[in-house]
PDB file of N, CA and C in Angstrom:
ATOM      1  N   MET A   1      15.223  14.567   5.715  1.00  0.00           N
ATOM      2  CA  MET A   1      14.065  13.884   5.022  1.00  0.00           C
ATOM      3  C   MET A   1      13.759  14.657   3.205  1.00  0.00           C
ATOM      4  N   ASN A   2      13.686  14.155   2.317  1.00  0.00           N
ATOM      5  CA  ASN A   2      14.312  14.301   1.067  1.00  0.00           C
ATOM      6  C   ASN A   2      12.169  14.362   0.833  1.00  0.00           C
ATOM      7  N   PRO A   3      11.838  15.765   0.288  1.00  0.00           N
ATOM      8  CA  PRO A   3      10.620  15.589  -0.004  1.00  0.00           C
ATOM      9  C   PRO A   3      10.302  15.837  -0.884  1.00  0.00           C
ATOM     10  N   LYS A   4      11.010  15.536  -2.631  1.00  0.00           N
ATOM     11  CA  LYS A   4      10.763  15.405  -3.761  1.00  0.00           C
ATOM     12  C   LYS A   4      10.464  13.985  -4.075  1.00  0.00           C
ATOM     13  N   ASP A   5       9.612  13.905  -5.071  1.00  0.00           N
ATOM     14  CA  ASP A   5       8.534  12.361  -4.907  1.00  0.00           C
ATOM     15  C   ASP A   5       9.766  11.951  -6.181  1.00  0.00           C
ATOM     16  N   ILE A   6       9.994  10.343  -5.271  1.00  0.00           N
ATOM     17  CA  ILE A   6      10.898   9.618  -6.171  1.00  0.00           C
ATOM     18  C   ILE A   6       9.845   9.340  -7.826  1.00  0.00           C
ATOM     19  N   ARG A   7       9.057   9.673  -8.061  1.00  0.00           N
ATOM     20  CA  ARG A   7       8.233   8.960  -9.144  1.00  0.00           C
ATOM     21  C   ARG A   7       8.782  10.063 -10.128  1.00  0.00           C
ATOM     22  N   THR A   8       9.485  12.031 -10.284  1.00  0.00           N
ATOM     23  CA  THR A   8      10.099  12.491 -10.894  1.00  0.00           C
ATOM     24  C   THR A   8      11.728  12.292 -11.345  1.00  0.00           C
ATOM     25  N   SER A   9      12.274  11.382 -10.685  1.00  0.00           N
ATOM     26  CA  SER A   9      13.468  11.443 -10.590  1.00  0.00           C
ATOM     27  C   SER A   9      13.901  11.007 -12.011  1.00  0.00           C
ATOM     28  N   SER A  10      15.285  11.878 -12.240  1.00  0.00           N
ATOM     29  CA  SER A  10      16.013  11.297 -13.920  1.00  0.00           C
ATOM     30  C   SER A  10      16.344   9.613 -13.762  1.00  0.00           C
ATOM     31  N   ASP A  11      16.580   9.261 -12.410  1.00  0.00           N
ATOM     32  CA  ASP A  11      17.120   7.712 -12.477  1.00  0.00           C
ATOM     33  C   ASP A  11      15.942   6.555 -12.651  1.00  0.00           C
ATOM     34  N   PRO A  12      15.523   6.199 -14.034  1.00  0.00           N
ATOM     35  CA  PRO A  12      14.591   5.085 -14.368  1.00  0.00           C
ATOM     36  C   PRO A  12      14.720   4.012 -13.959  1.00  0.00           C
ATOM     37  N   ASP A  13      15.539   3.651 -12.381  1.00  0.00           N
ATOM     38  CA  ASP A  13      15.671   2.492 -11.940  1.00  0.00           C
ATOM     39  C   ASP A  13      14.966   2.981 -10.001  1.00  0.00           C
ATOM     40  N   LEU A  14      15.235   4.508 -10.138  1.00  0.00           N
ATOM     41  CA  LEU A  14      14.180   4.757  -8.489  1.00  0.00           C
ATOM     42  C   LEU A  14      12.775   5.511  -8.493  1.00  0.00           C
ATOM     43  N   ALA A  15      12.947   5.743 -10.365  1.00  0.00           N
ATOM     44  CA  ALA A  15      11.240   6.422 -10.604  1.00  0.00           C
ATOM     45  C   ALA A  15      10.677   4.885 -10.478  1.00  0.00           C
ATOM     46  N   GLY A  16      11.001   3.684 -11.245  1.00  0.00           N
ATOM     47  CA  GLY A  16      10.433   2.683 -11.118  1.00  0.00           C
ATOM     48  C   GLY A  16      10.430   2.180  -9.759  1.00  0.00           C
ATOM     49  N   SER A  17      11.027   2.331  -8.859  1.00  0.00           N
ATOM     50  CA  SER A  17      10.549   1.661  -7.273  1.00  0.00           C
ATOM     51  C   SER A  17       9.455   2.084  -6.848  1.00  0.00           C
ATOM     52  N   TYR A  18       9.196   2.999  -6.948  1.00  0.00           N
ATOM     53  CA  TYR A  18       7.509   3.484  -6.206  1.00  0.00           C
ATOM     54  C   TYR A  18       6.646   2.440  -7.368  1.00  0.00           C
ATOM     55  N   ALA A  19       6.065   2.345  -8.231  1.00  0.00           N
ATOM     56  CA  ALA A  19       5.439   1.179  -8.773  1.00  0.00           C
ATOM     57  C   ALA A  19       5.498  -0.214  -7.908  1.00  0.00           C
ATOM     58  N   ALA A  20       7.089  -0.762  -7.587  1.00  0.00           N
ATOM     59  CA  ALA A  20       7.522  -1.592  -7.060  1.00  0.00           C
ATOM     60  C   ALA A  20       6.963  -1.857  -5.929  1.00  0.00           C
ATOM     61  N   MET A  21       7.145  -0.961  -5.288  1.00  0.00           N
ATOM     62  CA  MET A  21       6.820  -1.151  -3.653  1.00  0.00           C
ATOM     63  C   MET A  21       5.360  -1.481  -3.542  1.00  0.00           C
ATOM     64  N   LEU A  22       4.326  -0.669  -4.403  1.00  0.00           N
ATOM     65  CA  LEU A  22       2.623  -0.482  -4.599  1.00  0.00           C
ATOM     66  C   LEU A  22       2.915  -1.728  -4.344  1.00  0.00           C
ATOM     67  N   ARG A  23       3.615  -2.720  -5.459  1.00  0.00           N
ATOM     68  CA  ARG A  23       2.968  -3.931  -6.099  1.00  0.00           C
ATOM     69  C   ARG A  23       3.482  -4.531  -5.142  1.00  0.00           C
ATOM     70  N   ALA A  24       4.384  -4.954  -3.888  1.00  0.00           N
ATOM     71  CA  ALA A  24       4.857  -5.704  -2.936  1.00  0.00           C
ATOM     72  C   ALA A  24       4.079  -4.932  -2.207  1.00  0.00           C
ATOM     73  N   ALA A  25       3.477  -4.207  -1.341  1.00  0.00           N
ATOM     74  CA  ALA A  25       2.490  -3.741  -0.960  1.00  0.00           C
ATOM     75  C   ALA A  25       1.288  -4.028  -0.733  1.00  0.00           C
ATOM     76  N   HIS A  26       0.768  -4.717  -2.090  1.00  0.00           N
ATOM     77  CA  HIS A  26      -0.238  -5.161  -2.258  1.00  0.00           C
ATOM     78  C   HIS A  26      -0.227  -6.896  -1.732  1.00  0.00           C
ATOM     79  N   SER A  27       0.787  -7.237  -2.600  1.00  0.00           N
ATOM     80  CA  SER A  27       0.904  -8.964  -2.387  1.00  0.00           C
ATOM     81  C   SER A  27       1.136  -8.524  -0.684  1.00  0.00           C
ATOM     82  N   ALA A  28       0.880  -8.366   0.090  1.00  0.00           N
ATOM     83  CA  ALA A  28       1.341  -8.194   1.540  1.00  0.00           C
ATOM     84  C   ALA A  28       0.290  -8.471   1.618  1.00  0.00           C
ATOM     85  N   GLU A  29      -0.773  -7.085   1.293  1.00  0.00           N
ATOM     86  CA  GLU A  29      -2.120  -7.389   1.541  1.00  0.00           C
ATOM     87  C   GLU A  29      -2.672  -8.051   1.087  1.00  0.00           C
ATOM     88  N   ASP A  30      -2.469  -9.205   0.199  1.00  0.00           N
ATOM     89  CA  ASP A  30      -3.624 -10.287  -0.274  1.00  0.00           C
ATOM     90  C   ASP A  30      -3.005 -11.977   0.784  1.00  0.00           C
ATOM     91  N   LEU A  31      -1.618 -11.293   0.531  1.00  0.00           N
ATOM     92  CA  LEU A  31      -1.390 -12.689   1.618  1.00  0.00           C
ATOM     93  C   LEU A  31      -2.275 -12.669   2.990  1.00  0.00           C
ATOM     94  N   ALA A  32      -2.117 -11.356   4.154  1.00  0.00           N
ATOM     95  CA  ALA A  32      -3.041 -11.463   5.292  1.00  0.00           C
ATOM     96  C   ALA A  32      -4.061 -11.274   5.015  1.00  0.00           C
ATOM     97  N   ILE A  33      -4.912 -11.195   3.949  1.00  0.00           N
ATOM     98  CA  ILE A  33      -6.285 -11.322   3.446  1.00  0.00           C
ATOM     99  C   ILE A  33      -6.336 -12.934   3.317  1.00  0.00           C
ATOM    100  N   LYS A  34      -5.392 -13.893   2.854  1.00  0.00           N
ATOM    101  CA  LYS A  34      -5.842 -14.834   2.418  1.00  0.00           C
ATOM    102  C   LYS A  34      -5.631 -16.238   3.221  1.00  0.00           C
ATOM    103  N   THR A  35      -4.730 -15.810   4.386  1.00  0.00           N
ATOM    104  CA  THR A  35      -3.988 -16.111   5.943  1.00  0.00           C
ATOM    105  C   THR A  35      -4.877 -15.639   7.201  1.00  0.00           C
ATOM    106  N   ASN A  36      -5.804 -15.063   6.814  1.00  0.00           N
ATOM    107  CA  ASN A  36      -6.419 -14.156   7.200  1.00  0.00           C
ATOM    108  C   ASN A  36      -5.806 -13.811   9.269  1.00  0.00           C
ATOM    109  N   THR A  37      -4.178 -12.671   8.934  1.00  0.00           N
ATOM    110  CA  THR A  37      -3.577 -12.084   9.228  1.00  0.00           C
ATOM    111  C   THR A  37      -3.943 -10.460   9.677  1.00  0.00           C
ATOM    112  N   SER A  38      -3.079  -9.978  10.176  1.00  0.00           N
ATOM    113  CA  SER A  38      -2.931  -8.879   9.986  1.00  0.00           C
ATOM    114  C   SER A  38      -1.778  -8.534   9.653  1.00  0.00           C
ATOM    115  N   ILE A  39      -1.353  -7.420   9.141  1.00  0.00           N
ATOM    116  CA  ILE A  39      -0.276  -6.612   8.694  1.00  0.00           C
ATOM    117  C   ILE A  39      -0.069  -5.419   9.622  1.00  0.00           C
ATOM    118  N   ILE A  40       0.870  -4.407   9.889  1.00  0.00           N
ATOM    119  CA  ILE A  40       1.663  -3.482  10.572  1.00  0.00           C
ATOM    120  C   ILE A  40       1.962  -2.188   9.208  1.00  0.00           C
ATOM    121  N   VAL A  41       1.056  -1.126   9.403  1.00  0.00           N
ATOM    122  CA  VAL A  41       1.353   0.204   7.976  1.00  0.00           C
ATOM    123  C   VAL A  41       2.307   1.061   8.872  1.00  0.00           C
ATOM    124  N   GLY A  42       2.635   1.953   8.299  1.00  0.00           N
ATOM    125  CA  GLY A  42       2.414   3.191   9.301  1.00  0.00           C
ATOM    126  C   GLY A  42       1.832   4.393   8.113  1.00  0.00           C
ATOM    127  N   MET A  43       0.804   5.235   9.078  1.00  0.00           N
ATOM    128  CA  MET A  43       0.008   5.846   8.566  1.00  0.00           C
ATOM    129  C   MET A  43       0.204   7.406   9.967  1.00  0.00           C
ATOM    130  N   ASP A  44       0.188   8.478   9.072  1.00  0.00           N
ATOM    131  CA  ASP A  44       0.183   9.092   9.975  1.00  0.00           C
ATOM    132  C   ASP A  44       1.574   9.465  10.716  1.00  0.00           C
ATOM    133  N   GLY A  45       2.555   9.057  10.373  1.00  0.00           N
ATOM    134  CA  GLY A  45       3.689   8.389  11.753  1.00  0.00           C
ATOM    135  C   GLY A  45       3.815   7.584  12.266  1.00  0.00           C
ATOM    136  N   LYS A  46       2.590   7.060  12.804  1.00  0.00           N
ATOM    137  CA  LYS A  46       2.043   5.834  13.369  1.00  0.00           C
ATOM    138  C   LYS A  46       2.139   4.541  12.907  1.00  0.00           C
ATOM    139  N   GLU A  47       2.542   3.278  13.991  1.00  0.00           N
ATOM    140  CA  GLU A  47       2.453   1.536  13.023  1.00  0.00           C
ATOM    141  C   GLU A  47       0.694   1.660  13.961  1.00  0.00           C
ATOM    142  N   VAL A  48       0.355   1.373  12.787  1.00  0.00           N
ATOM    143  CA  VAL A  48      -1.689   0.688  12.719  1.00  0.00           C
ATOM    144  C   VAL A  48      -1.418  -1.019  12.421  1.00  0.00           C
ATOM    145  N   ARG A  49      -2.262  -1.268  12.695  1.00  0.00           N
ATOM    146  CA  ARG A  49      -2.369  -2.920  12.501  1.00  0.00           C
ATOM    147  C   ARG A  49      -3.374  -2.870  11.592  1.00  0.00           C
ATOM    148  N   LEU A  50      -3.512  -3.398  11.167  1.00  0.00           N
ATOM    149  CA  LEU A  50      -5.280  -3.505  10.073  1.00  0.00           C
ATOM    150  C   LEU A  50      -4.847  -5.228   9.603  1.00  0.00           C
ATOM    151  N   THR A  51      -6.046  -5.819  10.116  1.00  0.00           N
ATOM    152  CA  THR A  51      -6.827  -7.032  10.200  1.00  0.00           C
ATOM    153  C   THR A  51      -6.808  -7.361   8.647  1.00  0.00           C
ATOM    154  N   ALA A  52      -7.610  -8.339   8.658  1.00  0.00           N
ATOM    155  CA  ALA A  52      -8.215  -8.534   6.727  1.00  0.00           C
ATOM    156  C   ALA A  52      -9.543  -8.455   7.051  1.00  0.00           C
ATOM    157  N   LYS A  53      -9.800  -8.272   7.868  1.00  0.00           N
ATOM    158  CA  LYS A  53     -11.066  -7.582   7.564  1.00  0.00           C
ATOM    159  C   LYS A  53     -11.286  -6.099   7.457  1.00  0.00           C
ATOM    160  N   ASP A  54     -10.315  -5.878   8.228  1.00  0.00           N
ATOM    161  CA  ASP A  54      -9.964  -3.963   7.742  1.00  0.00           C
ATOM    162  C   ASP A  54      -9.770  -3.761   6.195  1.00  0.00           C
ATOM    163  N   LEU A  55      -8.510  -4.244   5.565  1.00  0.00           N
ATOM    164  CA  LEU A  55      -7.772  -4.727   4.549  1.00  0.00           C
ATOM    165  C   LEU A  55      -8.910  -5.038   3.430  1.00  0.00           C
ATOM    166  N   ILE A  56     -10.017  -5.976   3.688  1.00  0.00           N
ATOM    167  CA  ILE A  56     -10.809  -6.141   2.662  1.00  0.00           C
ATOM    168  C   ILE A  56     -11.690  -5.058   2.586  1.00  0.00           C
ATOM    169  N   LYS A  57     -12.063  -4.354   4.093  1.00  0.00           N
ATOM    170  CA  LYS A  57     -13.704  -3.142   4.220  1.00  0.00           C
ATOM    171  C   LYS A  57     -12.561  -2.109   2.912  1.00  0.00           C
ATOM    172  N   LEU A  58     -10.979  -1.986   3.245  1.00  0.00           N
ATOM    173  CA  LEU A  58     -10.242  -0.914   2.666  1.00  0.00           C
ATOM    174  C   LEU A  58     -10.437  -1.070   0.736  1.00  0.00           C
ATOM    175  N   ARG A  59     -10.657  -2.581   1.091  1.00  0.00           N
ATOM    176  CA  ARG A  59      -9.872  -2.316  -0.850  1.00  0.00           C
ATOM    177  C   ARG A  59     -12.011  -2.158  -1.206  1.00  0.00           C
ATOM    178  N   GLU A  60     -12.591  -2.003  -0.157  1.00  0.00           N
ATOM    179  CA  GLU A  60     -14.646  -2.520  -0.990  1.00  0.00           C
ATOM    180  C   GLU A  60     -14.259  -0.922  -0.844  1.00  0.00           C
ATOM    181  N   GLN A  61     -13.543   0.284   0.096  1.00  0.00           N
ATOM    182  CA  GLN A  61     -13.661   1.174  -0.638  1.00  0.00           C
ATOM    183  C   GLN A  61     -12.991   1.952  -1.586  1.00  0.00           C
ATOM    184  N   GLU A  62     -11.877   0.989  -2.149  1.00  0.00           N
ATOM    185  CA  GLU A  62     -11.347   2.142  -3.423  1.00  0.00           C
ATOM    186  C   GLU A  62     -11.819   1.496  -4.475  1.00  0.00           C
ATOM    187  N   LYS A  63     -12.306   0.172  -4.697  1.00  0.00           N
ATOM    188  CA  LYS A  63     -13.222  -0.183  -5.661  1.00  0.00           C
ATOM    189  C   LYS A  63     -14.606   1.166  -5.475  1.00  0.00           C
ATOM    190  N   THR A  64     -15.038   1.429  -4.611  1.00  0.00           N
ATOM    191  CA  THR A  64     -16.530   2.500  -4.926  1.00  0.00           C
ATOM    192  C   THR A  64     -15.970   3.705  -4.957  1.00  0.00           C
ATOM    193  N   PHE A  65     -14.846   4.665  -4.798  1.00  0.00           N
ATOM    194  CA  PHE A  65     -13.901   5.124  -4.771  1.00  0.00           C
ATOM    195  C   PHE A  65     -13.901   5.352  -6.358  1.00  0.00           C
ATOM    196  N   ALA A  66     -13.492   4.430  -6.920  1.00  0.00           N
ATOM    197  CA  ALA A  66     -12.724   4.769  -8.339  1.00  0.00           C
ATOM    198  C   ALA A  66     -13.454   4.544  -9.237  1.00  0.00           C
ATOM    199  N   ALA A  67     -15.309   3.263  -8.837  1.00  0.00           N
ATOM    200  CA  ALA A  67     -15.997   3.342  -9.760  1.00  0.00           C
ATOM    201  C   ALA A  67     -16.778   4.910  -9.728  1.00  0.00           C
ATOM    202  N   THR A  68     -16.776   5.935  -8.881  1.00  0.00           N
ATOM    203  CA  THR A  68     -17.502   7.052  -8.933  1.00  0.00           C
ATOM    204  C   THR A  68     -16.385   8.731  -9.782  1.00  0.00           C
TER     205      THR A  68
END
């Protein structure tokens, strides 16, 4: 695995792909919340199921963290 951060790539398409992946993940979370379903994500090398309720809690925590 290449540990180099893709956001620092000299290729603008590769560097921009990070933001695109974040947008896609956010859209998947939005859909899971709207449809009250779960999504599977990778955390610390393990597959983790996040329910819509979990996603809402995480978003609330992000807002609280961003506000401080």
